[in-house]
Protein backbone atom coordinates (compact mmCIF):
# COMPACT_ATOMS: atom_id res chain seq x y z
CA MET A 1 -0.02 0.46 0.11
CA ALA A 2 2.54 2.61 0.60
CA ASP A 3 4.37 1.87 -2.23
CA THR A 4 1.53 2.33 -4.30
CA ILE A 5 0.97 5.85 -2.39
CA THR A 6 4.27 6.63 -3.64
CA ASP A 7 3.66 5.87 -7.20
CA ILE A 8 0.56 7.60 -6.78
CA ASP A 9 2.18 11.07 -5.27
CA ASN A 10 5.32 10.56 -7.57
CA SER A 11 3.47 10.24 -11.14
CA PRO A 12 4.09 12.63 -14.01
CA GLU A 13 0.61 13.80 -13.78
CA ALA A 14 1.09 14.99 -9.78
CA LEU A 15 4.40 16.41 -10.52
CA SER A 16 3.75 18.80 -13.58
CA SER A 17 0.20 19.62 -11.65
CA ALA A 18 2.40 21.33 -8.84
CA ALA A 19 5.15 22.55 -10.80
CA LEU A 20 2.09 24.47 -12.47
CA ARG A 21 0.71 25.68 -9.25
CA ARG A 22 4.12 26.92 -8.68
CA LYS A 23 4.91 28.54 -11.99
CA MET A 24 1.40 30.56 -11.39
CA LEU A 25 2.38 31.37 -8.08
CA ARG A 26 5.38 32.60 -9.30
CA GLU A 27 3.92 34.40 -12.30
CA PHE A 28 1.33 36.10 -9.91
CA TRP A 29 3.98 37.53 -7.69
CA PHE A 30 6.12 38.73 -10.30
CA TYR A 31 3.44 40.81 -11.47
CA PHE A 32 1.99 41.90 -8.04
CA SER A 33 5.59 42.94 -6.96
CA GLU A 34 6.23 45.10 -9.89
CA ASN A 35 3.87 47.11 -8.23
CA ARG A 36 5.90 49.07 -5.26
CA GLY A 37 2.70 50.47 -3.80
CA ALA A 38 0.88 46.99 -3.61
CA VAL A 39 3.87 45.35 -1.75
CA ILE A 40 3.87 48.01 0.76
CA GLY A 41 -0.23 47.75 0.91
CA LEU A 42 0.79 44.15 1.70
CA TYR A 43 3.30 44.74 4.33
CA VAL A 44 1.04 46.97 6.17
CA PHE A 45 -2.01 44.98 5.90
CA VAL A 46 0.07 41.79 7.19
CA ALA A 47 1.33 44.03 9.99
CA LEU A 48 -2.54 45.22 11.04
CA VAL A 49 -3.88 41.26 10.73
CA LEU A 50 -1.03 40.67 13.41
CA ILE A 51 -1.87 43.57 15.56
CA ALA A 52 -5.63 42.67 15.40
CA ILE A 53 -4.70 38.90 16.94
CA PHE A 54 -1.84 39.90 19.57
CA ALA A 55 -4.10 42.74 20.28
CA PRO A 56 -4.34 41.81 24.01
CA LEU A 57 -0.02 41.09 24.01
CA VAL A 58 0.66 44.68 22.28
CA ALA A 59 -1.73 47.07 23.89
CA PRO A 60 -0.37 48.96 26.93
CA HIS A 61 -3.75 49.13 28.52
CA SER A 62 -7.10 47.78 28.56
CA PRO A 63 -9.44 49.82 25.58
CA PHE A 64 -12.43 50.01 28.05
CA GLU A 65 -10.18 51.57 31.48
CA GLN A 66 -10.45 55.17 32.04
CA TYR A 67 -7.76 56.69 34.10
CA ARG A 68 -9.50 59.44 35.74
CA ASP A 69 -6.26 61.36 36.54
CA ALA A 70 -4.88 61.14 32.92
CA VAL A 71 -7.67 62.76 31.22
CA LEU A 72 -6.59 64.28 27.72
CA LEU A 73 -3.03 63.89 28.31
CA PRO A 74 -0.99 64.95 24.78
CA PRO A 75 0.96 62.22 23.49
CA ALA A 76 4.35 61.48 25.39
CA TRP A 77 6.18 63.32 23.18
CA LEU A 78 4.80 66.61 23.50
CA GLU A 79 5.17 68.53 26.92
CA GLY A 80 2.99 67.59 29.48
CA GLY A 81 2.78 64.34 28.27
CA ASN A 82 2.79 60.67 29.87
CA ILE A 83 5.33 57.82 28.93
CA SER A 84 2.59 55.41 29.71
CA TYR A 85 0.45 56.99 27.38
CA LEU A 86 2.32 57.18 23.69
CA LEU A 87 -0.53 58.64 22.07
CA GLY A 88 -2.53 60.30 25.13
CA THR A 89 -5.62 59.78 26.56
CA ASP A 90 -9.03 60.90 25.19
CA PRO A 91 -12.06 62.95 27.02
CA VAL A 92 -12.89 59.82 29.83
CA GLY A 93 -9.12 58.71 30.23
CA ARG A 94 -8.42 56.01 28.08
CA ASP A 95 -5.30 55.26 26.36
CA ILE A 96 -5.74 56.21 22.68
CA LEU A 97 -3.24 53.56 21.61
CA SER A 98 -5.19 50.66 23.01
CA ARG A 99 -8.31 51.86 21.48
CA LEU A 100 -6.63 51.90 18.36
CA ILE A 101 -5.12 48.18 18.69
CA TYR A 102 -8.54 46.93 19.79
CA GLY A 103 -10.19 49.00 16.84
CA ALA A 104 -8.21 46.85 14.27
CA GLN A 105 -10.12 44.02 15.33
CA TYR A 106 -13.31 46.00 14.61
CA SER A 107 -11.97 46.91 11.04
CA LEU A 108 -11.05 43.31 10.16
CA PHE A 109 -14.12 41.92 11.35
CA ILE A 110 -16.42 44.50 9.61
CA GLY A 111 -14.14 43.93 6.47
CA VAL A 112 -14.42 40.43 6.59
CA PHE A 113 -18.21 39.87 7.18
CA VAL A 114 -19.18 42.56 4.87
CA THR A 115 -17.23 41.05 2.27
CA THR A 116 -18.07 37.79 2.80
CA LEU A 117 -21.97 38.18 2.79
CA SER A 118 -21.88 40.53 0.01
CA LEU A 119 -19.54 38.08 -2.45
CA THR A 120 -21.39 34.85 -1.63
CA SER A 121 -24.99 36.19 -2.15
CA GLY A 122 -23.49 38.50 -5.11
CA ILE A 123 -21.72 35.98 -6.67
CA LEU A 124 -25.32 33.38 -6.46
CA ILE A 125 -27.75 36.24 -7.68
CA GLY A 126 -25.29 37.16 -10.42
CA VAL A 127 -24.28 33.44 -11.51
CA ILE A 128 -28.08 32.94 -12.42
CA ALA A 129 -28.78 36.20 -13.56
CA GLY A 130 -25.97 35.29 -16.44
CA TYR A 131 -26.73 32.01 -17.05
CA TYR A 132 -30.72 32.06 -17.45
CA ARG A 133 -31.13 35.49 -18.55
CA GLY A 134 -34.72 36.60 -19.82
CA TRP A 135 -37.21 37.94 -17.80
CA LEU A 136 -35.24 36.89 -14.31
CA ASP A 137 -32.03 38.24 -15.64
CA THR A 138 -33.78 41.48 -16.45
CA ALA A 139 -35.41 41.92 -13.02
CA ILE A 140 -32.06 41.42 -11.44
CA MET A 141 -30.51 44.08 -12.96
CA ARG A 142 -33.24 46.37 -12.64
CA LEU A 143 -33.17 46.05 -9.07
CA MET A 144 -29.75 46.23 -8.59
CA ASP A 145 -29.35 49.01 -11.23
CA ILE A 146 -32.44 51.03 -8.43
CA ILE A 147 -30.03 50.37 -6.08
CA LEU A 148 -26.66 51.39 -7.59
CA ALA A 149 -28.69 54.72 -8.05
CA PHE A 150 -28.92 55.88 -4.60
CA PRO A 151 -25.23 57.19 -2.91
CA SER A 152 -23.99 54.27 -1.20
CA LEU A 153 -23.71 55.80 2.46
CA LEU A 154 -27.20 57.32 2.21
CA LEU A 155 -28.56 54.11 1.05
CA ALA A 156 -26.52 52.58 4.38
CA LEU A 157 -27.90 55.18 6.43
CA VAL A 158 -31.41 54.49 5.57
CA LEU A 159 -31.29 50.69 6.02
CA VAL A 160 -29.52 51.12 9.25
CA ALA A 161 -32.46 53.96 10.46
CA ILE A 162 -34.96 50.58 9.52
CA LEU A 163 -32.99 48.12 11.08
CA GLY A 164 -32.19 49.94 14.24
CA PRO A 165 -28.41 51.29 15.19
CA GLY A 166 -25.92 49.32 15.73
CA LEU A 167 -22.53 47.00 14.74
CA ILE A 168 -24.45 44.27 13.14
CA ASN A 169 -27.11 46.31 11.47
CA GLY A 170 -24.69 48.48 9.56
CA MET A 171 -22.82 45.44 8.35
CA ILE A 172 -25.68 44.36 7.21
CA ALA A 173 -26.74 47.11 5.17
CA ILE A 174 -23.06 47.90 3.71
CA ALA A 175 -23.06 44.70 2.36
CA LEU A 176 -26.19 45.12 0.73
CA VAL A 177 -25.18 48.48 -0.95
CA LEU A 178 -21.78 46.48 -2.22
CA GLN A 179 -23.43 43.40 -3.66
CA PRO A 180 -24.86 45.05 -6.97
CA HIS A 181 -21.45 45.39 -7.78
CA PHE A 182 -20.88 41.12 -7.06
CA VAL A 183 -23.76 41.07 -8.85
CA ARG A 184 -22.99 42.61 -12.29
CA LEU A 185 -19.28 41.52 -12.37
CA THR A 186 -20.62 37.64 -12.04
CA ARG A 187 -23.25 38.06 -14.50
CA ALA A 188 -20.94 39.77 -16.94
CA ALA A 189 -18.10 36.92 -17.00
CA VAL A 190 -21.04 34.34 -16.61
CA MET A 191 -22.34 35.52 -20.08
CA THR A 192 -18.89 35.38 -21.64
CA GLU A 193 -17.55 32.41 -20.14
CA LYS A 194 -21.02 30.21 -21.46
CA THR A 195 -20.23 30.56 -24.70
CA ARG A 196 -17.03 28.94 -24.57
CA ASP A 197 -16.33 25.56 -26.16
CA TYR A 198 -15.57 23.94 -22.72
CA VAL A 199 -18.93 25.22 -21.35
CA THR A 200 -20.48 23.32 -24.40
CA ALA A 201 -18.32 20.02 -24.25
CA SER A 202 -19.16 19.60 -20.27
CA ARG A 203 -23.26 20.02 -21.24
CA LEU A 204 -22.85 17.78 -23.98
CA ALA A 205 -21.56 15.15 -21.51
CA GLY A 206 -24.22 15.58 -19.67
CA ALA A 207 -23.61 17.90 -16.89
CA GLY A 208 -26.48 19.56 -15.31
CA PRO A 209 -27.22 23.58 -14.76
CA LEU A 210 -25.78 23.24 -11.32
CA ARG A 211 -22.72 21.62 -12.24
CA LEU A 212 -22.63 24.08 -15.19
CA MET A 213 -22.86 27.45 -13.12
CA PHE A 214 -20.46 26.67 -10.04
CA ARG A 215 -18.02 23.85 -11.29
CA THR A 216 -17.90 24.95 -14.82
CA ILE A 217 -18.24 28.20 -15.19
CA LEU A 218 -17.90 29.75 -12.09
CA PRO A 219 -13.93 28.58 -11.14
CA ASN A 220 -13.37 30.79 -14.62
CA CYS A 221 -14.57 34.36 -13.23
CA THR A 222 -12.61 34.44 -9.75
CA ALA A 223 -10.05 36.93 -11.31
CA PRO A 224 -12.00 40.25 -11.08
CA LEU A 225 -14.09 39.21 -8.20
CA ILE A 226 -10.98 38.55 -6.16
CA VAL A 227 -10.01 42.18 -7.03
CA GLN A 228 -13.80 43.93 -6.02
CA ALA A 229 -13.81 41.88 -2.97
CA THR A 230 -10.19 43.31 -1.99
CA LEU A 231 -12.05 47.12 -3.06
CA SER A 232 -14.78 46.38 -1.31
CA PHE A 233 -12.86 45.68 1.51
CA SER A 234 -11.73 48.78 2.06
CA ASN A 235 -15.37 50.53 1.48
CA ALA A 236 -16.74 48.39 4.20
CA ILE A 237 -14.40 49.41 6.87
CA LEU A 238 -14.77 53.55 5.51
CA ASP A 239 -18.40 53.38 5.35
CA ALA A 240 -18.43 51.56 8.71
CA ALA A 241 -16.76 53.92 10.33
CA ALA A 242 -18.65 56.93 8.78
CA LEU A 243 -21.84 54.92 10.05
CA GLY A 244 -20.27 54.82 13.61
CA PHE A 245 -19.08 58.54 12.98
CA LEU A 246 -23.11 59.90 12.62
CA GLY A 247 -23.86 57.69 15.78
CA MET A 248 -25.77 54.93 13.84
CA GLY A 249 -22.60 52.03 13.55
CA ALA A 250 -20.73 50.33 16.57
CA GLN A 251 -21.99 52.22 20.04
CA PRO A 252 -19.67 53.37 23.05
CA PRO A 253 -17.73 52.65 24.37
CA ALA A 254 -16.68 50.21 21.64
CA PRO A 255 -13.32 51.11 20.33
CA GLU A 256 -14.18 51.39 16.36
CA TRP A 257 -12.53 54.10 14.71
CA GLY A 258 -15.36 56.01 13.87
CA THR A 259 -17.11 55.87 16.85
CA MET A 260 -13.90 57.54 18.32
CA LEU A 261 -14.30 60.13 15.78
CA ALA A 262 -17.62 60.79 16.94
CA GLU A 263 -16.88 60.92 20.54
CA ALA A 264 -13.73 63.20 20.01
CA ARG A 265 -15.05 65.67 17.99
CA GLU A 266 -15.56 68.75 20.02
CA PHE A 267 -12.12 68.47 21.26
CA ILE A 268 -11.17 68.58 17.75
CA LEU A 269 -8.97 72.47 18.79
CA ARG A 270 -7.75 71.95 21.89
CA ALA A 271 -7.14 68.17 22.19
CA TRP A 272 -5.78 67.60 18.14
CA TRP A 273 -4.49 63.92 18.94
CA VAL A 274 -8.02 62.63 19.91
CA VAL A 275 -9.06 63.29 16.37
CA THR A 276 -5.98 62.81 14.40
CA PHE A 277 -4.98 59.42 15.49
CA PRO A 278 -8.16 57.50 14.72
CA GLY A 279 -8.57 59.41 11.41
CA LEU A 280 -4.72 58.56 10.48
CA ALA A 281 -5.94 54.63 11.37
CA ILE A 282 -8.63 54.43 8.79
CA LEU A 283 -6.90 56.27 6.16
CA ILE A 284 -3.60 54.32 6.64
CA THR A 285 -5.96 51.08 6.32
CA VAL A 286 -8.23 51.83 3.53
CA LEU A 287 -4.98 52.80 1.37
CA ALA A 288 -3.13 50.03 1.94
CA ILE A 289 -5.89 47.73 1.10
CA ASN A 290 -6.55 50.21 -2.31
CA LEU A 291 -2.97 49.76 -3.25
CA MET A 292 -3.27 45.77 -2.71
CA GLY A 293 -6.53 45.69 -4.76
CA ASP A 294 -4.15 47.53 -7.50
CA GLY A 295 -1.83 45.07 -7.16
CA LEU A 296 -3.92 42.22 -7.31
CA ARG A 297 -5.57 43.68 -10.73
CA ASP A 298 -2.33 43.82 -12.36
CA ALA A 299 -1.44 40.50 -11.68
CA LEU A 300 -4.48 38.60 -12.23
CA ASP A 301 -5.73 40.84 -15.07
CA PRO A 302 -3.88 39.15 -18.37
CA LYS A 303 -4.53 42.19 -20.06
CA LEU A 304 -2.56 44.30 -17.91
CA LYS A 305 0.54 42.08 -18.08
CA ARG A 306 3.50 43.30 -19.65
CA SER A 307 5.31 40.57 -21.37
């Protein structure tokens, strides 16, 4: 039995398949790494993930603990600062650095939840619309056009007002707003791939509609969806911060960056650090993810690859 397994693993088919995967991975990294901004964005994003995972070990204080004798302290390097609070404290004496570190957990959770929900539902609807066409396709696309006709943040606000303020409701609203982009991309890709010879061959071989849609066609439509998912990840973080700033997203005392901005806006003139650092966290995170999206587009789109 062991000899049989060894023979199978060392078969020319298995070796060629593994070599092909390694070649594709090297080619992907070659085109991705040509975009220096994308590489920097990747490093920043990996650092953000590590900070979020190890937040209890990295954060110097609890994000909720209030130090009444350290209210609105400036950053440690400014006059009047305290070395225990590197980025200063907020109006109720909480350490800003610790809240920013724990806020990374909220941002990643928001991005993953919203992107997963909008991606899966958008792919399902888009595949059905692109494969069956007809009146079903027309009805779905007109509904998507109606959603896209509204400004995304305004529509998210309306949905949150209906569902009620809160982080979960805010994420559901953002996912519904971002869903049409995945529907349109999936539908266009399915319509293109549906006419290919390999799909016709699978149909003649007896493959049913479900197999054709999700096993034959969909795997060949993933490149634009991956790029869109990356950009939607950053949009989700930005929209969630906007909802938190308006009081419709995460609620205090959650250390979500948009909520931190909302709590600090009245101190913008006399305690600039309370507003500046959460804003910089949002800016750097969204910029890094967008740069990664540009690199993924360059690496996955054959039209953009330079010979």
